[in-house]
Amino acid sequence: MEILALLESIYKEALRHERIDGLVIGTRPDCVDDDILDMIGEIAKRAFVSIEYGLESTIDRTLDRINRQHSFAESVAAIQKTKARNIHIGCAFDPGLPGEIGG
């Protein structure tokens, strides 16, 4: 089964449970594409859905140092694409990573 179909199946199965009111999906900004966001956007029309992106830092040098494999610009692009589909967004940061203030 391809990843898109698998994710859609998992999300819809979860939402069929009587005690689940919505989804909070934790992911990385480099792990979503337009097809995945379109599918999640369709689900979000019928149920609460939030995507929480693990951005970790806004500093590309730090992202390279911790081997995140994405830039801050890619994070911003993922957020903008998510917002365009009216999907709720959260972001996780890890302040004080090595080389940053306090890190």
PDB file of N, CA and C in Angstrom:
ATOM      1  N   MET A   1       0.862  -1.179   0.000  1.00  0.00           N
ATOM      2  CA  MET A   1       0.000   0.000   0.000  1.00  0.00           C
ATOM      3  C   MET A   1       0.907   1.239   0.000  1.00  0.00           C
ATOM      4  N   GLU A   2       0.596   2.177  -0.833  1.00  0.00           N
ATOM      5  CA  GLU A   2       1.401   3.396  -0.867  1.00  0.00           C
ATOM      6  C   GLU A   2       1.143   4.246   0.380  1.00  0.00           C
ATOM      7  N   ILE A   3       2.094   5.102   0.697  1.00  0.00           N
ATOM      8  CA  ILE A   3       2.037   5.874   1.947  1.00  0.00           C
ATOM      9  C   ILE A   3       0.783   6.741   2.036  1.00  0.00           C
ATOM     10  N   LEU A   4       0.380   7.365   0.939  1.00  0.00           N
ATOM     11  CA  LEU A   4      -0.805   8.231   0.962  1.00  0.00           C
ATOM     12  C   LEU A   4      -2.051   7.429   1.357  1.00  0.00           C
ATOM     13  N   ALA A   5      -2.251   6.296   0.736  1.00  0.00           N
ATOM     14  CA  ALA A   5      -3.415   5.454   1.047  1.00  0.00           C
ATOM     15  C   ALA A   5      -3.340   4.918   2.473  1.00  0.00           C
ATOM     16  N   LEU A   6      -2.139   4.558   2.901  1.00  0.00           N
ATOM     17  CA  LEU A   6      -1.965   4.056   4.265  1.00  0.00           C
ATOM     18  C   LEU A   6      -2.314   5.130   5.296  1.00  0.00           C
ATOM     19  N   LEU A   7      -1.789   6.340   5.117  1.00  0.00           N
ATOM     20  CA  LEU A   7      -2.090   7.431   6.049  1.00  0.00           C
ATOM     21  C   LEU A   7      -3.579   7.744   6.076  1.00  0.00           C
ATOM     22  N   GLU A   8      -4.183   7.824   4.905  1.00  0.00           N
ATOM     23  CA  GLU A   8      -5.615   8.118   4.843  1.00  0.00           C
ATOM     24  C   GLU A   8      -6.419   7.055   5.578  1.00  0.00           C
ATOM     25  N   SER A   9      -6.056   5.808   5.400  1.00  0.00           N
ATOM     26  CA  SER A   9      -6.741   4.702   6.076  1.00  0.00           C
ATOM     27  C   SER A   9      -6.606   4.813   7.595  1.00  0.00           C
ATOM     28  N   ILE A  10      -5.404   5.101   8.063  1.00  0.00           N
ATOM     29  CA  ILE A  10      -5.162   5.225   9.507  1.00  0.00           C
ATOM     30  C   ILE A  10      -5.945   6.399  10.088  1.00  0.00           C
ATOM     31  N   TYR A  11      -5.895   7.544   9.426  1.00  0.00           N
ATOM     32  CA  TYR A  11      -6.582   8.736   9.943  1.00  0.00           C
ATOM     33  C   TYR A  11      -8.094   8.528   9.976  1.00  0.00           C
ATOM     34  N   LYS A  12      -8.646   7.973   8.912  1.00  0.00           N
ATOM     35  CA  LYS A  12     -10.096   7.760   8.868  1.00  0.00           C
ATOM     36  C   LYS A  12     -10.542   6.704   9.877  1.00  0.00           C
ATOM     37  N   GLU A  13      -9.743   5.667  10.046  1.00  0.00           N
ATOM     38  CA  GLU A  13     -10.076   4.649  11.049  1.00  0.00           C
ATOM     39  C   GLU A  13     -10.092   5.252  12.447  1.00  0.00           C
ATOM     40  N   ALA A  14      -9.102   6.084  12.757  1.00  0.00           N
ATOM     41  CA  ALA A  14      -9.057   6.730  14.075  1.00  0.00           C
ATOM     42  C   ALA A  14     -10.296   7.585  14.293  1.00  0.00           C
ATOM     43  N   LEU A  15     -10.695   8.331  13.288  1.00  0.00           N
ATOM     44  CA  LEU A  15     -11.841   9.240  13.437  1.00  0.00           C
ATOM     45  C   LEU A  15     -13.171   8.500  13.535  1.00  0.00           C
ATOM     46  N   ARG A  16     -13.220   7.256  13.133  1.00  0.00           N
ATOM     47  CA  ARG A  16     -14.456   6.470  13.281  1.00  0.00           C
ATOM     48  C   ARG A  16     -14.700   6.051  14.731  1.00  0.00           C
ATOM     49  N   HIS A  17     -13.664   6.091  15.550  1.00  0.00           N
ATOM     50  CA  HIS A  17     -13.826   5.682  16.953  1.00  0.00           C
ATOM     51  C   HIS A  17     -14.670   6.716  17.677  1.00  0.00           C
ATOM     52  N   GLU A  18     -15.594   6.265  18.482  1.00  0.00           N
ATOM     53  CA  GLU A  18     -16.549   7.158  19.149  1.00  0.00           C
ATOM     54  C   GLU A  18     -15.909   8.136  20.130  1.00  0.00           C
ATOM     55  N   ARG A  19     -14.735   7.817  20.637  1.00  0.00           N
ATOM     56  CA  ARG A  19     -14.104   8.694  21.635  1.00  0.00           C
ATOM     57  C   ARG A  19     -13.025   9.605  21.039  1.00  0.00           C
ATOM     58  N   ILE A  20     -12.890   9.597  19.739  1.00  0.00           N
ATOM     59  CA  ILE A  20     -11.898  10.456  19.090  1.00  0.00           C
ATOM     60  C   ILE A  20     -12.620  11.569  18.346  1.00  0.00           C
ATOM     61  N   ASP A  21     -12.284  12.798  18.720  1.00  0.00           N
ATOM     62  CA  ASP A  21     -12.941  13.964  18.127  1.00  0.00           C
ATOM     63  C   ASP A  21     -12.118  14.623  17.027  1.00  0.00           C
ATOM     64  N   GLY A  22     -10.844  14.333  16.968  1.00  0.00           N
ATOM     65  CA  GLY A  22      -9.998  14.964  15.960  1.00  0.00           C
ATOM     66  C   GLY A  22      -8.608  14.354  15.985  1.00  0.00           C
ATOM     67  N   LEU A  23      -7.746  14.913  15.152  1.00  0.00           N
ATOM     68  CA  LEU A  23      -6.383  14.407  15.018  1.00  0.00           C
ATOM     69  C   LEU A  23      -5.370  15.523  15.206  1.00  0.00           C
ATOM     70  N   VAL A  24      -4.299  15.208  15.885  1.00  0.00           N
ATOM     71  CA  VAL A  24      -3.119  16.067  15.923  1.00  0.00           C
ATOM     72  C   VAL A  24      -1.994  15.220  15.356  1.00  0.00           C
ATOM     73  N   ILE A  25      -1.492  15.638  14.222  1.00  0.00           N
ATOM     74  CA  ILE A  25      -0.492  14.866  13.491  1.00  0.00           C
ATOM     75  C   ILE A  25       0.865  15.532  13.679  1.00  0.00           C
ATOM     76  N   GLY A  26       1.782  14.837  14.294  1.00  0.00           N
ATOM     77  CA  GLY A  26       3.133  15.344  14.472  1.00  0.00           C
ATOM     78  C   GLY A  26       4.016  14.850  13.345  1.00  0.00           C
ATOM     79  N   THR A  27       4.694  15.769  12.664  1.00  0.00           N
ATOM     80  CA  THR A  27       5.543  15.384  11.544  1.00  0.00           C
ATOM     81  C   THR A  27       6.640  16.414  11.332  1.00  0.00           C
ATOM     82  N   ARG A  28       7.462  16.159  10.365  1.00  0.00           N
ATOM     83  CA  ARG A  28       8.537  17.070   9.981  1.00  0.00           C
ATOM     84  C   ARG A  28       8.098  17.832   8.738  1.00  0.00           C
ATOM     85  N   PRO A  29       8.597  19.041   8.527  1.00  0.00           N
ATOM     86  CA  PRO A  29       8.192  19.803   7.346  1.00  0.00           C
ATOM     87  C   PRO A  29       8.622  19.161   6.030  1.00  0.00           C
ATOM     88  N   ASP A  30       9.629  18.306   6.065  1.00  0.00           N
ATOM     89  CA  ASP A  30      10.088  17.649   4.841  1.00  0.00           C
ATOM     90  C   ASP A  30       9.393  16.309   4.603  1.00  0.00           C
ATOM     91  N   CYS A  31       8.388  15.996   5.394  1.00  0.00           N
ATOM     92  CA  CYS A  31       7.681  14.723   5.249  1.00  0.00           C
ATOM     93  C   CYS A  31       6.261  14.880   4.725  1.00  0.00           C
ATOM     94  N   VAL A  32       5.896  16.057   4.299  1.00  0.00           N
ATOM     95  CA  VAL A  32       4.580  16.266   3.700  1.00  0.00           C
ATOM     96  C   VAL A  32       4.772  16.757   2.266  1.00  0.00           C
ATOM     97  N   ASP A  33       3.851  16.364   1.419  1.00  0.00           N
ATOM     98  CA  ASP A  33       3.854  16.880   0.055  1.00  0.00           C
ATOM     99  C   ASP A  33       2.434  17.333  -0.271  1.00  0.00           C
ATOM    100  N   ASP A  34       2.234  17.831  -1.470  1.00  0.00           N
ATOM    101  CA  ASP A  34       0.914  18.361  -1.832  1.00  0.00           C
ATOM    102  C   ASP A  34      -0.178  17.302  -1.743  1.00  0.00           C
ATOM    103  N   ASP A  35       0.116  16.072  -2.167  1.00  0.00           N
ATOM    104  CA  ASP A  35      -0.906  15.019  -2.116  1.00  0.00           C
ATOM    105  C   ASP A  35      -1.318  14.706  -0.678  1.00  0.00           C
ATOM    106  N   ILE A  36      -0.341  14.613   0.208  1.00  0.00           N
ATOM    107  CA  ILE A  36      -0.657  14.345   1.622  1.00  0.00           C
ATOM    108  C   ILE A  36      -1.447  15.508   2.214  1.00  0.00           C
ATOM    109  N   LEU A  37      -1.024  16.733   1.932  1.00  0.00           N
ATOM    110  CA  LEU A  37      -1.746  17.892   2.472  1.00  0.00           C
ATOM    111  C   LEU A  37      -3.151  17.993   1.897  1.00  0.00           C
ATOM    112  N   ASP A  38      -3.328  17.654   0.626  1.00  0.00           N
ATOM    113  CA  ASP A  38      -4.676  17.658   0.039  1.00  0.00           C
ATOM    114  C   ASP A  38      -5.575  16.648   0.756  1.00  0.00           C
ATOM    115  N   MET A  39      -5.053  15.458   1.007  1.00  0.00           N
ATOM    116  CA  MET A  39      -5.831  14.423   1.695  1.00  0.00           C
ATOM    117  C   MET A  39      -6.188  14.872   3.111  1.00  0.00           C
ATOM    118  N   ILE A  40      -5.208  15.405   3.838  1.00  0.00           N
ATOM    119  CA  ILE A  40      -5.475  15.886   5.196  1.00  0.00           C
ATOM    120  C   ILE A  40      -6.451  17.057   5.163  1.00  0.00           C
ATOM    121  N   GLY A  41      -6.316  17.921   4.171  1.00  0.00           N
ATOM    122  CA  GLY A  41      -7.232  19.057   4.033  1.00  0.00           C
ATOM    123  C   GLY A  41      -8.673  18.608   3.843  1.00  0.00           C
ATOM    124  N   GLU A  42      -8.870  17.530   3.099  1.00  0.00           N
ATOM    125  CA  GLU A  42     -10.224  16.996   2.916  1.00  0.00           C
ATOM    126  C   GLU A  42     -10.777  16.461   4.230  1.00  0.00           C
ATOM    127  N   ILE A  43      -9.952  15.771   4.981  1.00  0.00           N
ATOM    128  CA  ILE A  43     -10.388  15.271   6.291  1.00  0.00           C
ATOM    129  C   ILE A  43     -10.704  16.438   7.220  1.00  0.00           C
ATOM    130  N   ALA A  44      -9.907  17.498   7.150  1.00  0.00           N
ATOM    131  CA  ALA A  44     -10.097  18.667   8.020  1.00  0.00           C
ATOM    132  C   ALA A  44     -11.394  19.413   7.728  1.00  0.00           C
ATOM    133  N   LYS A  45     -12.007  19.158   6.610  1.00  0.00           N
ATOM    134  CA  LYS A  45     -13.309  19.769   6.308  1.00  0.00           C
ATOM    135  C   LYS A  45     -14.417  19.127   7.139  1.00  0.00           C
ATOM    136  N   ARG A  46     -14.158  17.918   7.665  1.00  0.00           N
ATOM    137  CA  ARG A  46     -15.174  17.170   8.404  1.00  0.00           C
ATOM    138  C   ARG A  46     -14.850  16.960   9.878  1.00  0.00           C
ATOM    139  N   ALA A  47     -13.581  17.162  10.234  1.00  0.00           N
ATOM    140  CA  ALA A  47     -13.158  16.915  11.621  1.00  0.00           C
ATOM    141  C   ALA A  47     -12.014  17.853  11.951  1.00  0.00           C
ATOM    142  N   PHE A  48     -11.790  18.060  13.247  1.00  0.00           N
ATOM    143  CA  PHE A  48     -10.650  18.878  13.644  1.00  0.00           C
ATOM    144  C   PHE A  48      -9.366  18.125  13.313  1.00  0.00           C
ATOM    145  N   VAL A  49      -8.452  18.806  12.633  1.00  0.00           N
ATOM    146  CA  VAL A  49      -7.135  18.250  12.342  1.00  0.00           C
ATOM    147  C   VAL A  49      -6.112  19.358  12.550  1.00  0.00           C
ATOM    148  N   SER A  50      -5.039  19.029  13.224  1.00  0.00           N
ATOM    149  CA  SER A  50      -3.924  19.952  13.405  1.00  0.00           C
ATOM    150  C   SER A  50      -2.643  19.221  13.016  1.00  0.00           C
ATOM    151  N   ILE A  51      -1.785  19.904  12.297  1.00  0.00           N
ATOM    152  CA  ILE A  51      -0.463  19.362  11.999  1.00  0.00           C
ATOM    153  C   ILE A  51       0.538  20.127  12.839  1.00  0.00           C
ATOM    154  N   GLU A  52       1.304  19.391  13.631  1.00  0.00           N
ATOM    155  CA  GLU A  52       2.363  20.011  14.415  1.00  0.00           C
ATOM    156  C   GLU A  52       3.694  19.664  13.768  1.00  0.00           C
ATOM    157  N   TYR A  53       4.348  20.691  13.269  1.00  0.00           N
ATOM    158  CA  TYR A  53       5.649  20.513  12.622  1.00  0.00           C
ATOM    159  C   TYR A  53       6.766  20.634  13.641  1.00  0.00           C
ATOM    160  N   GLY A  54       7.659  19.655  13.636  1.00  0.00           N
ATOM    161  CA  GLY A  54       8.864  19.732  14.452  1.00  0.00           C
ATOM    162  C   GLY A  54       9.912  20.527  13.692  1.00  0.00           C
ATOM    163  N   LEU A  55       9.965  21.826  13.963  1.00  0.00           N
ATOM    164  CA  LEU A  55      10.911  22.689  13.244  1.00  0.00           C
ATOM    165  C   LEU A  55      12.264  22.711  13.932  1.00  0.00           C
ATOM    166  N   GLU A  56      12.261  22.633  15.229  1.00  0.00           N
ATOM    167  CA  GLU A  56      13.445  22.629  16.096  1.00  0.00           C
ATOM    168  C   GLU A  56      14.177  23.968  16.147  1.00  0.00           C
ATOM    169  N   SER A  57      14.411  24.622  15.003  1.00  0.00           N
ATOM    170  CA  SER A  57      15.151  25.887  14.988  1.00  0.00           C
ATOM    171  C   SER A  57      14.790  26.677  13.735  1.00  0.00           C
ATOM    172  N   THR A  58      15.036  27.975  13.800  1.00  0.00           N
ATOM    173  CA  THR A  58      14.873  28.839  12.629  1.00  0.00           C
ATOM    174  C   THR A  58      16.224  29.145  11.987  1.00  0.00           C
ATOM    175  N   ILE A  59      17.279  28.578  12.533  1.00  0.00           N
ATOM    176  CA  ILE A  59      18.644  28.872  12.085  1.00  0.00           C
ATOM    177  C   ILE A  59      19.170  27.700  11.265  1.00  0.00           C
ATOM    178  N   ASP A  60      19.402  27.941   9.977  1.00  0.00           N
ATOM    179  CA  ASP A  60      19.847  26.866   9.095  1.00  0.00           C
ATOM    180  C   ASP A  60      21.148  26.213   9.557  1.00  0.00           C
ATOM    181  N   ARG A  61      22.059  26.999  10.095  1.00  0.00           N
ATOM    182  CA  ARG A  61      23.323  26.445  10.574  1.00  0.00           C
ATOM    183  C   ARG A  61      23.060  25.405  11.671  1.00  0.00           C
ATOM    184  N   THR A  62      22.120  25.697  12.555  1.00  0.00           N
ATOM    185  CA  THR A  62      21.751  24.747  13.609  1.00  0.00           C
ATOM    186  C   THR A  62      21.079  23.519  13.008  1.00  0.00           C
ATOM    187  N   LEU A  63      20.182  23.727  12.071  1.00  0.00           N
ATOM    188  CA  LEU A  63      19.497  22.600  11.432  1.00  0.00           C
ATOM    189  C   LEU A  63      20.499  21.667  10.753  1.00  0.00           C
ATOM    190  N   ASP A  64      21.515  22.245  10.124  1.00  0.00           N
ATOM    191  CA  ASP A  64      22.585  21.426   9.530  1.00  0.00           C
ATOM    192  C   ASP A  64      23.349  20.677  10.615  1.00  0.00           C
ATOM    193  N   ARG A  65      23.680  21.368  11.684  1.00  0.00           N
ATOM    194  CA  ARG A  65      24.474  20.771  12.764  1.00  0.00           C
ATOM    195  C   ARG A  65      23.760  19.574  13.399  1.00  0.00           C
ATOM    196  N   ILE A  66      22.454  19.667  13.528  1.00  0.00           N
ATOM    197  CA  ILE A  66      21.710  18.567  14.150  1.00  0.00           C
ATOM    198  C   ILE A  66      21.134  17.601  13.101  1.00  0.00           C
ATOM    199  N   ASN A  67      21.580  17.775  11.863  1.00  0.00           N
ATOM    200  CA  ASN A  67      21.255  16.854  10.762  1.00  0.00           C
ATOM    201  C   ASN A  67      19.751  16.711  10.521  1.00  0.00           C
ATOM    202  N   ARG A  68      19.036  17.831  10.488  1.00  0.00           N
ATOM    203  CA  ARG A  68      17.592  17.787  10.279  1.00  0.00           C
ATOM    204  C   ARG A  68      17.202  17.486   8.841  1.00  0.00           C
ATOM    205  N   GLN A  69      18.079  17.728   7.893  1.00  0.00           N
ATOM    206  CA  GLN A  69      17.807  17.438   6.490  1.00  0.00           C
ATOM    207  C   GLN A  69      16.714  18.322   5.875  1.00  0.00           C
ATOM    208  N   HIS A  70      16.473  19.485   6.494  1.00  0.00           N
ATOM    209  CA  HIS A  70      15.589  20.487   5.898  1.00  0.00           C
ATOM    210  C   HIS A  70      16.049  21.855   6.367  1.00  0.00           C
ATOM    211  N   SER A  71      15.731  22.855   5.583  1.00  0.00           N
ATOM    212  CA  SER A  71      16.078  24.233   5.928  1.00  0.00           C
ATOM    213  C   SER A  71      14.881  24.919   6.570  1.00  0.00           C
ATOM    214  N   PHE A  72      15.138  26.103   7.129  1.00  0.00           N
ATOM    215  CA  PHE A  72      14.017  26.868   7.674  1.00  0.00           C
ATOM    216  C   PHE A  72      13.089  27.312   6.551  1.00  0.00           C
ATOM    217  N   ALA A  73      13.632  27.629   5.384  1.00  0.00           N
ATOM    218  CA  ALA A  73      12.795  28.019   4.235  1.00  0.00           C
ATOM    219  C   ALA A  73      11.838  26.882   3.859  1.00  0.00           C
ATOM    220  N   GLU A  74      12.301  25.645   3.943  1.00  0.00           N
ATOM    221  CA  GLU A  74      11.423  24.508   3.663  1.00  0.00           C
ATOM    222  C   GLU A  74      10.336  24.391   4.729  1.00  0.00           C
ATOM    223  N   SER A  75      10.663  24.733   5.963  1.00  0.00           N
ATOM    224  CA  SER A  75       9.661  24.745   7.036  1.00  0.00           C
ATOM    225  C   SER A  75       8.587  25.784   6.737  1.00  0.00           C
ATOM    226  N   VAL A  76       9.011  26.963   6.355  1.00  0.00           N
ATOM    227  CA  VAL A  76       8.061  28.035   6.031  1.00  0.00           C
ATOM    228  C   VAL A  76       7.170  27.614   4.871  1.00  0.00           C
ATOM    229  N   ALA A  77       7.746  26.990   3.856  1.00  0.00           N
ATOM    230  CA  ALA A  77       6.958  26.546   2.700  1.00  0.00           C
ATOM    231  C   ALA A  77       5.900  25.522   3.117  1.00  0.00           C
ATOM    232  N   ALA A  78       6.277  24.575   3.973  1.00  0.00           N
ATOM    233  CA  ALA A  78       5.317  23.569   4.443  1.00  0.00           C
ATOM    234  C   ALA A  78       4.186  24.229   5.232  1.00  0.00           C
ATOM    235  N   ILE A  79       4.526  25.198   6.065  1.00  0.00           N
ATOM    236  CA  ILE A  79       3.520  25.913   6.849  1.00  0.00           C
ATOM    237  C   ILE A  79       2.568  26.673   5.925  1.00  0.00           C
ATOM    238  N   GLN A  80       3.114  27.342   4.923  1.00  0.00           N
ATOM    239  CA  GLN A  80       2.271  28.102   3.989  1.00  0.00           C
ATOM    240  C   GLN A  80       1.332  27.179   3.209  1.00  0.00           C
ATOM    241  N   LYS A  81       1.832  26.034   2.768  1.00  0.00           N
ATOM    242  CA  LYS A  81       0.994  25.075   2.036  1.00  0.00           C
ATOM    243  C   LYS A  81      -0.104  24.522   2.944  1.00  0.00           C
ATOM    244  N   THR A  82       0.218  24.314   4.203  1.00  0.00           N
ATOM    245  CA  THR A  82      -0.762  23.805   5.161  1.00  0.00           C
ATOM    246  C   THR A  82      -1.834  24.862   5.424  1.00  0.00           C
ATOM    247  N   LYS A  83      -1.400  26.085   5.628  1.00  0.00           N
ATOM    248  CA  LYS A  83      -2.348  27.183   5.867  1.00  0.00           C
ATOM    249  C   LYS A  83      -3.288  27.369   4.679  1.00  0.00           C
ATOM    250  N   ALA A  84      -2.768  27.223   3.469  1.00  0.00           N
ATOM    251  CA  ALA A  84      -3.586  27.395   2.262  1.00  0.00           C
ATOM    252  C   ALA A  84      -4.732  26.391   2.212  1.00  0.00           C
ATOM    253  N   ARG A  85      -4.584  25.292   2.911  1.00  0.00           N
ATOM    254  CA  ARG A  85      -5.628  24.260   2.948  1.00  0.00           C
ATOM    255  C   ARG A  85      -6.493  24.359   4.200  1.00  0.00           C
ATOM    256  N   ASN A  86      -6.338  25.433   4.941  1.00  0.00           N
ATOM    257  CA  ASN A  86      -7.133  25.680   6.155  1.00  0.00           C
ATOM    258  C   ASN A  86      -6.978  24.572   7.199  1.00  0.00           C
ATOM    259  N   ILE A  87      -5.773  24.066   7.318  1.00  0.00           N
ATOM    260  CA  ILE A  87      -5.471  23.062   8.332  1.00  0.00           C
ATOM    261  C   ILE A  87      -4.801  23.779   9.502  1.00  0.00           C
ATOM    262  N   HIS A  88      -5.253  23.496  10.717  1.00  0.00           N
ATOM    263  CA  HIS A  88      -4.655  24.093  11.912  1.00  0.00           C
ATOM    264  C   HIS A  88      -3.185  23.684  11.991  1.00  0.00           C
ATOM    265  N   ILE A  89      -2.329  24.612  12.458  1.00  0.00           N
ATOM    266  CA  ILE A  89      -0.886  24.373  12.488  1.00  0.00           C
ATOM    267  C   ILE A  89      -0.319  24.647  13.875  1.00  0.00           C
ATOM    268  N   GLY A  90       0.586  23.782  14.302  1.00  0.00           N
ATOM    269  CA  GLY A  90       1.400  24.004  15.491  1.00  0.00           C
ATOM    270  C   GLY A  90       2.850  23.766  15.102  1.00  0.00           C
ATOM    271  N   CYS A  91       3.753  24.357  15.846  1.00  0.00           N
ATOM    272  CA  CYS A  91       5.186  24.181  15.563  1.00  0.00           C
ATOM    273  C   CYS A  91       5.921  23.922  16.869  1.00  0.00           C
ATOM    274  N   ALA A  92       6.868  22.990  16.819  1.00  0.00           N
ATOM    275  CA  ALA A  92       7.695  22.671  17.979  1.00  0.00           C
ATOM    276  C   ALA A  92       9.118  23.148  17.733  1.00  0.00           C
ATOM    277  N   PHE A  93       9.640  23.868  18.701  1.00  0.00           N
ATOM    278  CA  PHE A  93      11.011  24.366  18.633  1.00  0.00           C
ATOM    279  C   PHE A  93      11.781  23.826  19.821  1.00  0.00           C
ATOM    280  N   ASP A  94      13.085  23.776  19.688  1.00  0.00           N
ATOM    281  CA  ASP A  94      13.948  23.317  20.768  1.00  0.00           C
ATOM    282  C   ASP A  94      14.962  24.438  21.058  1.00  0.00           C
ATOM    283  N   PRO A  95      14.557  25.436  21.835  1.00  0.00           N
ATOM    284  CA  PRO A  95      15.454  26.567  22.086  1.00  0.00           C
ATOM    285  C   PRO A  95      16.716  26.144  22.829  1.00  0.00           C
ATOM    286  N   GLY A  96      17.803  26.806  22.486  1.00  0.00           N
ATOM    287  CA  GLY A  96      19.052  26.554  23.170  1.00  0.00           C
ATOM    288  C   GLY A  96      19.842  25.384  22.632  1.00  0.00           C
ATOM    289  N   LEU A  97      19.596  25.031  21.371  1.00  0.00           N
ATOM    290  CA  LEU A  97      20.401  23.966  20.764  1.00  0.00           C
ATOM    291  C   LEU A  97      21.850  24.376  20.686  1.00  0.00           C
ATOM    292  N   PRO A  98      22.771  23.436  20.565  1.00  0.00           N
ATOM    293  CA  PRO A  98      24.198  23.761  20.515  1.00  0.00           C
ATOM    294  C   PRO A  98      24.509  24.841  19.470  1.00  0.00           C
ATOM    295  N   GLY A  99      25.236  25.863  19.916  1.00  0.00           N
ATOM    296  CA  GLY A  99      25.604  26.978  19.031  1.00  0.00           C
ATOM    297  C   GLY A  99      24.626  28.130  19.051  1.00  0.00           C
ATOM    298  N   GLU A 100      23.458  27.927  19.641  1.00  0.00           N
ATOM    299  CA  GLU A 100      22.482  29.002  19.767  1.00  0.00           C
ATOM    300  C   GLU A 100      22.619  29.620  21.152  1.00  0.00           C
ATOM    301  N   ILE A 101      22.017  30.762  21.342  1.00  0.00           N
ATOM    302  CA  ILE A 101      22.064  31.444  22.638  1.00  0.00           C
ATOM    303  C   ILE A 101      21.529  30.495  23.706  1.00  0.00           C
ATOM    304  N   GLY A 102      22.310  30.330  24.741  1.00  0.00           N
ATOM    305  CA  GLY A 102      21.904  29.456  25.842  1.00  0.00           C
ATOM    306  C   GLY A 102      22.203  27.985  25.595  1.00  0.00           C
ATOM    307  N   GLY A 103      22.737  27.671  24.392  1.00  0.00           N
ATOM    308  CA  GLY A 103      22.964  26.258  24.068  1.00  0.00           C
ATOM    309  C   GLY A 103      24.391  25.848  24.117  1.00  0.00           C
TER     310      GLY A 103
END
